[in-house]
Amino acid sequence: VLEATEPSSRGGREGDGLVTGGAGPVRSIVMTVADC
């Protein structure tokens, strides 16, 4: 699990969880699933 501090529309950091404080430039988190 990583902290998301900046938008990153193409990924670039390896992990399966992102968290953010909710007050910075990151307004949303997006991932993909297909059974997980």
All heavy atoms as atom14 arrays in JSON, in Angstrom:
{
  "sequence": "VLEATEPSSRGGREGDGLVTGGAGPVRSIVMTVADC",
  "atom14_mask": [
    [1, 1, 1, 1, 1, 1, 1, 0, 0, 0, 0, 0, 0, 0],
    [1, 1, 1, 1, 1, 1, 1, 1, 0, 0, 0, 0, 0, 0],
    [1, 1, 1, 1, 1, 1, 1, 1, 1, 0, 0, 0, 0, 0],
    [1, 1, 1, 1, 1, 0, 0, 0, 0, 0, 0, 0, 0, 0],
    [1, 1, 1, 1, 1, 1, 1, 0, 0, 0, 0, 0, 0, 0],
    [1, 1, 1, 1, 1, 1, 1, 1, 1, 0, 0, 0, 0, 0],
    [1, 1, 1, 1, 1, 1, 1, 0, 0, 0, 0, 0, 0, 0],
    [1, 1, 1, 1, 1, 1, 0, 0, 0, 0, 0, 0, 0, 0],
    [1, 1, 1, 1, 1, 1, 0, 0, 0, 0, 0, 0, 0, 0],
    [1, 1, 1, 1, 1, 1, 1, 1, 1, 1, 1, 0, 0, 0],
    [1, 1, 1, 1, 0, 0, 0, 0, 0, 0, 0, 0, 0, 0],
    [1, 1, 1, 1, 0, 0, 0, 0, 0, 0, 0, 0, 0, 0],
    [1, 1, 1, 1, 1, 1, 1, 1, 1, 1, 1, 0, 0, 0],
    [1, 1, 1, 1, 1, 1, 1, 1, 1, 0, 0, 0, 0, 0],
    [1, 1, 1, 1, 0, 0, 0, 0, 0, 0, 0, 0, 0, 0],
    [1, 1, 1, 1, 1, 1, 1, 1, 0, 0, 0, 0, 0, 0],
    [1, 1, 1, 1, 0, 0, 0, 0, 0, 0, 0, 0, 0, 0],
    [1, 1, 1, 1, 1, 1, 1, 1, 0, 0, 0, 0, 0, 0],
    [1, 1, 1, 1, 1, 1, 1, 0, 0, 0, 0, 0, 0, 0],
    [1, 1, 1, 1, 1, 1, 1, 0, 0, 0, 0, 0, 0, 0],
    [1, 1, 1, 1, 0, 0, 0, 0, 0, 0, 0, 0, 0, 0],
    [1, 1, 1, 1, 0, 0, 0, 0, 0, 0, 0, 0, 0, 0],
    [1, 1, 1, 1, 1, 0, 0, 0, 0, 0, 0, 0, 0, 0],
    [1, 1, 1, 1, 0, 0, 0, 0, 0, 0, 0, 0, 0, 0],
    [1, 1, 1, 1, 1, 1, 1, 0, 0, 0, 0, 0, 0, 0],
    [1, 1, 1, 1, 1, 1, 1, 0, 0, 0, 0, 0, 0, 0],
    [1, 1, 1, 1, 1, 1, 1, 1, 1, 1, 1, 0, 0, 0],
    [1, 1, 1, 1, 1, 1, 0, 0, 0, 0, 0, 0, 0, 0],
    [1, 1, 1, 1, 1, 1, 1, 1, 0, 0, 0, 0, 0, 0],
    [1, 1, 1, 1, 1, 1, 1, 0, 0, 0, 0, 0, 0, 0],
    [1, 1, 1, 1, 1, 1, 1, 1, 0, 0, 0, 0, 0, 0],
    [1, 1, 1, 1, 1, 1, 1, 0, 0, 0, 0, 0, 0, 0],
    [1, 1, 1, 1, 1, 1, 1, 0, 0, 0, 0, 0, 0, 0],
    [1, 1, 1, 1, 1, 0, 0, 0, 0, 0, 0, 0, 0, 0],
    [1, 1, 1, 1, 1, 1, 1, 1, 0, 0, 0, 0, 0, 0],
    [1, 1, 1, 1, 1, 1, 0, 0, 0, 0, 0, 0, 0, 0]
  ],
  "atom14_positions": [
    [[0.85, -1.19, 0.0], [0.0, 0.0, 0.0], [0.89, 1.23, 0.0], [1.84, 1.33, 0.78], [-0.94, 0.03, 1.24], [-1.88, 1.23, 1.16], [-1.73, -1.27, 1.33], [0.0, 0.0, 0.0], [0.0, 0.0, 0.0], [0.0, 0.0, 0.0], [0.0, 0.0, 0.0], [0.0, 0.0, 0.0], [0.0, 0.0, 0.0], [0.0, 0.0, 0.0]],
    [[0.58, 2.18, -0.87], [1.38, 3.39, -1.04], [0.52, 4.62, -0.78], [-0.7, 4.57, -0.93], [1.92, 3.47, -2.47], [2.69, 2.25, -2.99], [2.88, 2.36, -4.51], [4.03, 2.12, -2.29], [0.0, 0.0, 0.0], [0.0, 0.0, 0.0], [0.0, 0.0, 0.0], [0.0, 0.0, 0.0], [0.0, 0.0, 0.0], [0.0, 0.0, 0.0]],
    [[1.17, 5.72, -0.42], [0.44, 6.98, -0.32], [0.43, 7.66, -1.68], [1.46, 7.76, -2.34], [1.07, 7.91, 0.71], [0.25, 9.2, 0.88], [0.81, 10.16, 1.9], [2.03, 10.12, 2.16], [0.02, 10.97, 2.43], [0.0, 0.0, 0.0], [0.0, 0.0, 0.0], [0.0, 0.0, 0.0], [0.0, 0.0, 0.0], [0.0, 0.0, 0.0]],
    [[-0.73, 8.11, -2.1], [-0.88, 8.86, -3.35], [-0.83, 10.34, -3.04], [-1.74, 10.89, -2.43], [-2.19, 8.5, -4.02], [0.0, 0.0, 0.0], [0.0, 0.0, 0.0], [0.0, 0.0, 0.0], [0.0, 0.0, 0.0], [0.0, 0.0, 0.0], [0.0, 0.0, 0.0], [0.0, 0.0, 0.0], [0.0, 0.0, 0.0], [0.0, 0.0, 0.0]],
    [[0.26, 10.99, -3.44], [0.41, 12.41, -3.17], [0.28, 13.26, -4.42], [0.06, 14.47, -4.34], [1.78, 12.7, -2.52], [2.83, 12.22, -3.38], [1.89, 12.03, -1.17], [0.0, 0.0, 0.0], [0.0, 0.0, 0.0], [0.0, 0.0, 0.0], [0.0, 0.0, 0.0], [0.0, 0.0, 0.0], [0.0, 0.0, 0.0], [0.0, 0.0, 0.0]],
    [[0.41, 12.63, -5.6], [0.3, 13.32, -6.87], [-0.51, 12.48, -7.84], [-0.46, 11.25, -7.79], [1.69, 13.59, -7.49], [2.6, 14.47, -6.66], [2.13, 15.92, -6.63], [1.38, 16.31, -7.55], [2.53, 16.64, -5.7], [0.0, 0.0, 0.0], [0.0, 0.0, 0.0], [0.0, 0.0, 0.0], [0.0, 0.0, 0.0], [0.0, 0.0, 0.0]],
    [[-1.27, 13.11, -8.73], [-1.97, 12.34, -9.76], [-0.97, 11.53, -10.6], [0.17, 11.95, -10.8], [-2.67, 13.42, -10.6], [-2.79, 14.59, -9.66], [-1.56, 14.56, -8.82], [0.0, 0.0, 0.0], [0.0, 0.0, 0.0], [0.0, 0.0, 0.0], [0.0, 0.0, 0.0], [0.0, 0.0, 0.0], [0.0, 0.0, 0.0], [0.0, 0.0, 0.0]],
    [[-1.42, 10.37, -11.08], [-0.54, 9.49, -11.86], [-1.39, 8.64, -12.77], [-1.63, 7.47, -12.51], [0.29, 8.61, -10.93], [-0.54, 7.92, -10.01], [0.0, 0.0, 0.0], [0.0, 0.0, 0.0], [0.0, 0.0, 0.0], [0.0, 0.0, 0.0], [0.0, 0.0, 0.0], [0.0, 0.0, 0.0], [0.0, 0.0, 0.0], [0.0, 0.0, 0.0]],
    [[-1.86, 9.22, -13.85], [-2.86, 8.56, -14.69], [-2.33, 7.32, -15.4], [-3.11, 6.5, -15.86], [-3.4, 9.55, -15.73], [-2.36, 9.99, -16.57], [0.0, 0.0, 0.0], [0.0, 0.0, 0.0], [0.0, 0.0, 0.0], [0.0, 0.0, 0.0], [0.0, 0.0, 0.0], [0.0, 0.0, 0.0], [0.0, 0.0, 0.0], [0.0, 0.0, 0.0]],
    [[-1.03, 7.15, -15.49], [-0.47, 5.98, -16.16], [0.22, 5.03, -15.19], [1.0, 4.17, -15.57], [0.51, 6.4, -17.25], [-0.12, 7.21, -18.36], [0.85, 7.44, -19.52], [1.1, 6.21, -20.26], [0.36, 5.79, -21.28], [-0.7, 6.5, -21.67], [0.64, 4.67, -21.9], [0.0, 0.0, 0.0], [0.0, 0.0, 0.0], [0.0, 0.0, 0.0]],
    [[-0.06, 5.16, -13.91], [0.56, 4.27, -12.93], [1.98, 4.71, -12.66], [2.24, 5.87, -12.37], [0.0, 0.0, 0.0], [0.0, 0.0, 0.0], [0.0, 0.0, 0.0], [0.0, 0.0, 0.0], [0.0, 0.0, 0.0], [0.0, 0.0, 0.0], [0.0, 0.0, 0.0], [0.0, 0.0, 0.0], [0.0, 0.0, 0.0], [0.0, 0.0, 0.0]],
    [[2.93, 3.78, -12.76], [4.34, 4.12, -12.56], [4.89, 3.68, -11.22], [6.1, 3.6, -11.03], [0.0, 0.0, 0.0], [0.0, 0.0, 0.0], [0.0, 0.0, 0.0], [0.0, 0.0, 0.0], [0.0, 0.0, 0.0], [0.0, 0.0, 0.0], [0.0, 0.0, 0.0], [0.0, 0.0, 0.0], [0.0, 0.0, 0.0], [0.0, 0.0, 0.0]],
    [[4.01, 3.38, -10.24], [4.43, 2.88, -8.94], [3.78, 1.53, -8.72], [2.6, 1.34, -8.96], [4.03, 3.85, -7.82], [4.59, 5.24, -7.99], [4.06, 6.16, -6.9], [4.59, 5.82, -5.58], [4.08, 6.27, -4.43], [3.0, 7.03, -4.43], [4.64, 5.93, -3.27], [0.0, 0.0, 0.0], [0.0, 0.0, 0.0], [0.0, 0.0, 0.0]],
    [[4.57, 0.55, -8.27], [4.06, -0.8, -8.12], [3.44, -1.0, -6.74], [4.06, -0.69, -5.72], [5.18, -1.82, -8.32], [5.67, -1.89, -9.75], [6.64, -3.02, -9.98], [7.21, -3.54, -8.98], [6.85, -3.39, -11.15], [0.0, 0.0, 0.0], [0.0, 0.0, 0.0], [0.0, 0.0, 0.0], [0.0, 0.0, 0.0], [0.0, 0.0, 0.0]],
    [[2.24, -1.51, -6.73], [1.53, -1.77, -5.49], [0.09, -2.11, -5.79], [-0.37, -2.0, -6.93], [0.0, 0.0, 0.0], [0.0, 0.0, 0.0], [0.0, 0.0, 0.0], [0.0, 0.0, 0.0], [0.0, 0.0, 0.0], [0.0, 0.0, 0.0], [0.0, 0.0, 0.0], [0.0, 0.0, 0.0], [0.0, 0.0, 0.0], [0.0, 0.0, 0.0]],
    [[-0.65, -2.5, -4.76], [-2.05, -2.87, -4.93], [-2.99, -2.1, -4.01], [-4.16, -2.46, -3.88], [-2.21, -4.38, -4.71], [-1.6, -5.16, -5.86], [-0.37, -5.4, -5.84], [-2.33, -5.5, -6.81], [0.0, 0.0, 0.0], [0.0, 0.0, 0.0], [0.0, 0.0, 0.0], [0.0, 0.0, 0.0], [0.0, 0.0, 0.0], [0.0, 0.0, 0.0]],
    [[-2.48, -1.05, -3.41], [-3.31, -0.18, -2.6], [-2.77, 1.22, -2.62], [-1.55, 1.43, -2.65], [0.0, 0.0, 0.0], [0.0, 0.0, 0.0], [0.0, 0.0, 0.0], [0.0, 0.0, 0.0], [0.0, 0.0, 0.0], [0.0, 0.0, 0.0], [0.0, 0.0, 0.0], [0.0, 0.0, 0.0], [0.0, 0.0, 0.0], [0.0, 0.0, 0.0]],
    [[-3.67, 2.2, -2.65], [-3.31, 3.61, -2.56], [-4.2, 4.27, -1.53], [-5.4, 3.99, -1.46], [-3.48, 4.31, -3.91], [-2.51, 3.97, -5.04], [-2.92, 4.7, -6.32], [-1.07, 4.33, -4.67], [0.0, 0.0, 0.0], [0.0, 0.0, 0.0], [0.0, 0.0, 0.0], [0.0, 0.0, 0.0], [0.0, 0.0, 0.0], [0.0, 0.0, 0.0]],
    [[-3.61, 5.17, -0.75], [-4.37, 5.97, 0.2], [-3.96, 7.43, 0.03], [-2.84, 7.74, -0.39], [-4.13, 5.53, 1.66], [-4.6, 4.09, 1.87], [-2.67, 5.67, 2.07], [0.0, 0.0, 0.0], [0.0, 0.0, 0.0], [0.0, 0.0, 0.0], [0.0, 0.0, 0.0], [0.0, 0.0, 0.0], [0.0, 0.0, 0.0], [0.0, 0.0, 0.0]],
    [[-4.86, 8.33, 0.37], [-4.57, 9.76, 0.28], [-5.31, 10.48, 1.39], [-6.36, 10.02, 1.86], [-4.98, 10.33, -1.09], [-4.6, 11.69, -1.17], [-6.48, 10.2, -1.33], [0.0, 0.0, 0.0], [0.0, 0.0, 0.0], [0.0, 0.0, 0.0], [0.0, 0.0, 0.0], [0.0, 0.0, 0.0], [0.0, 0.0, 0.0], [0.0, 0.0, 0.0]],
    [[-4.75, 11.62, 1.8], [-5.35, 12.39, 2.88], [-6.61, 13.12, 2.51], [-7.35, 13.57, 3.38], [0.0, 0.0, 0.0], [0.0, 0.0, 0.0], [0.0, 0.0, 0.0], [0.0, 0.0, 0.0], [0.0, 0.0, 0.0], [0.0, 0.0, 0.0], [0.0, 0.0, 0.0], [0.0, 0.0, 0.0], [0.0, 0.0, 0.0], [0.0, 0.0, 0.0]],
    [[-6.87, 13.24, 1.22], [-8.12, 13.85, 0.77], [-8.09, 15.36, 0.62], [-9.09, 15.95, 0.2], [0.0, 0.0, 0.0], [0.0, 0.0, 0.0], [0.0, 0.0, 0.0], [0.0, 0.0, 0.0], [0.0, 0.0, 0.0], [0.0, 0.0, 0.0], [0.0, 0.0, 0.0], [0.0, 0.0, 0.0], [0.0, 0.0, 0.0], [0.0, 0.0, 0.0]],
    [[-6.96, 16.0, 0.94], [-6.92, 17.46, 0.87], [-5.92, 17.98, -0.16], [-5.81, 19.19, -0.35], [-6.58, 18.03, 2.24], [0.0, 0.0, 0.0], [0.0, 0.0, 0.0], [0.0, 0.0, 0.0], [0.0, 0.0, 0.0], [0.0, 0.0, 0.0], [0.0, 0.0, 0.0], [0.0, 0.0, 0.0], [0.0, 0.0, 0.0], [0.0, 0.0, 0.0]],
    [[-5.22, 17.09, -0.86], [-4.2, 17.51, -1.8], [-4.69, 17.49, -3.24], [-5.89, 17.51, -3.51], [0.0, 0.0, 0.0], [0.0, 0.0, 0.0], [0.0, 0.0, 0.0], [0.0, 0.0, 0.0], [0.0, 0.0, 0.0], [0.0, 0.0, 0.0], [0.0, 0.0, 0.0], [0.0, 0.0, 0.0], [0.0, 0.0, 0.0], [0.0, 0.0, 0.0]],
    [[-3.74, 17.4, -4.18], [-4.11, 17.43, -5.6], [-4.78, 16.15, -6.1], [-5.4, 16.16, -7.16], [-2.76, 17.64, -6.3], [-1.75, 17.09, -5.35], [-2.29, 17.39, -3.98], [0.0, 0.0, 0.0], [0.0, 0.0, 0.0], [0.0, 0.0, 0.0], [0.0, 0.0, 0.0], [0.0, 0.0, 0.0], [0.0, 0.0, 0.0], [0.0, 0.0, 0.0]],
    [[-4.66, 15.06, -5.36], [-5.31, 13.8, -5.75], [-6.78, 13.85, -5.34], [-7.1, 13.89, -4.15], [-4.62, 12.59, -5.1], [-5.4, 11.31, -5.41], [-3.19, 12.47, -5.59], [0.0, 0.0, 0.0], [0.0, 0.0, 0.0], [0.0, 0.0, 0.0], [0.0, 0.0, 0.0], [0.0, 0.0, 0.0], [0.0, 0.0, 0.0], [0.0, 0.0, 0.0]],
    [[-7.66, 13.87, -6.33], [-9.09, 13.93, -6.05], [-9.77, 12.56, -6.15], [-10.88, 12.38, -5.69], [-9.78, 14.9, -7.03], [-9.29, 16.33, -6.91], [-9.71, 16.94, -5.59], [-11.17, 17.04, -5.49], [-11.82, 17.23, -4.33], [-11.15, 17.29, -3.2], [-13.14, 17.34, -4.33], [0.0, 0.0, 0.0], [0.0, 0.0, 0.0], [0.0, 0.0, 0.0]],
    [[-9.08, 11.62, -6.77], [-9.64, 10.28, -6.87], [-8.51, 9.27, -7.07], [-7.39, 9.62, -7.44], [-10.65, 10.18, -8.03], [-10.01, 10.41, -9.27], [0.0, 0.0, 0.0], [0.0, 0.0, 0.0], [0.0, 0.0, 0.0], [0.0, 0.0, 0.0], [0.0, 0.0, 0.0], [0.0, 0.0, 0.0], [0.0, 0.0, 0.0], [0.0, 0.0, 0.0]],
    [[-8.84, 8.01, -6.81], [-7.92, 6.89, -7.04], [-8.63, 5.91, -7.95], [-9.83, 5.64, -7.79], [-7.56, 6.2, -5.71], [-6.84, 7.18, -4.77], [-6.68, 4.99, -5.96], [-6.66, 6.64, -3.35], [0.0, 0.0, 0.0], [0.0, 0.0, 0.0], [0.0, 0.0, 0.0], [0.0, 0.0, 0.0], [0.0, 0.0, 0.0], [0.0, 0.0, 0.0]],
    [[-7.91, 5.38, -8.94], [-8.52, 4.44, -9.88], [-7.6, 3.24, -10.09], [-6.39, 3.39, -10.19], [-8.85, 5.13, -11.23], [-7.62, 5.72, -11.89], [-9.54, 4.16, -12.18], [0.0, 0.0, 0.0], [0.0, 0.0, 0.0], [0.0, 0.0, 0.0], [0.0, 0.0, 0.0], [0.0, 0.0, 0.0], [0.0, 0.0, 0.0], [0.0, 0.0, 0.0]],
    [[-8.19, 2.05, -10.12], [-7.49, 0.81, -10.4], [-8.37, -0.06, -11.29], [-9.43, 0.38, -11.72], [-7.17, 0.06, -9.09], [-6.22, 0.79, -8.17], [-5.9, -0.18, -6.67], [-4.77, 0.94, -5.82], [0.0, 0.0, 0.0], [0.0, 0.0, 0.0], [0.0, 0.0, 0.0], [0.0, 0.0, 0.0], [0.0, 0.0, 0.0], [0.0, 0.0, 0.0]],
    [[-7.94, -1.28, -11.54], [-8.77, -2.22, -12.3], [-8.89, -3.53, -11.54], [-8.02, -3.9, -10.76], [-8.21, -2.49, -13.71], [-6.88, -3.01, -13.61], [-8.22, -1.23, -14.55], [0.0, 0.0, 0.0], [0.0, 0.0, 0.0], [0.0, 0.0, 0.0], [0.0, 0.0, 0.0], [0.0, 0.0, 0.0], [0.0, 0.0, 0.0], [0.0, 0.0, 0.0]],
    [[-9.99, -4.25, -11.8], [-10.23, -5.57, -11.22], [-10.93, -6.44, -12.25], [-11.57, -5.94, -13.17], [-11.1, -5.5, -9.94], [-10.36, -4.84, -8.8], [-12.42, -4.79, -10.22], [0.0, 0.0, 0.0], [0.0, 0.0, 0.0], [0.0, 0.0, 0.0], [0.0, 0.0, 0.0], [0.0, 0.0, 0.0], [0.0, 0.0, 0.0], [0.0, 0.0, 0.0]],
    [[-10.82, -7.77, -12.06], [-11.55, -8.72, -12.91], [-11.6, -10.05, -12.18], [-10.99, -11.03, -12.61], [-10.88, -8.87, -14.27], [0.0, 0.0, 0.0], [0.0, 0.0, 0.0], [0.0, 0.0, 0.0], [0.0, 0.0, 0.0], [0.0, 0.0, 0.0], [0.0, 0.0, 0.0], [0.0, 0.0, 0.0], [0.0, 0.0, 0.0], [0.0, 0.0, 0.0]],
    [[-12.26, -10.11, -11.07], [-12.44, -11.2, -10.11], [-11.82, -10.89, -8.75], [-12.33, -11.34, -7.73], [-11.91, -12.56, -10.58], [-12.79, -13.21, -11.63], [-14.0, -12.88, -11.69], [-12.28, -14.05, -12.4], [0.0, 0.0, 0.0], [0.0, 0.0, 0.0], [0.0, 0.0, 0.0], [0.0, 0.0, 0.0], [0.0, 0.0, 0.0], [0.0, 0.0, 0.0]],
    [[-10.7, -10.16, -8.72], [-10.16, -9.74, -7.43], [-11.11, -8.75, -6.77], [-11.89, -8.08, -7.44], [-8.78, -9.09, -7.6], [-7.5, -10.25, -8.12], [0.0, 0.0, 0.0], [0.0, 0.0, 0.0], [0.0, 0.0, 0.0], [0.0, 0.0, 0.0], [0.0, 0.0, 0.0], [0.0, 0.0, 0.0], [0.0, 0.0, 0.0], [0.0, 0.0, 0.0]]
  ]
}
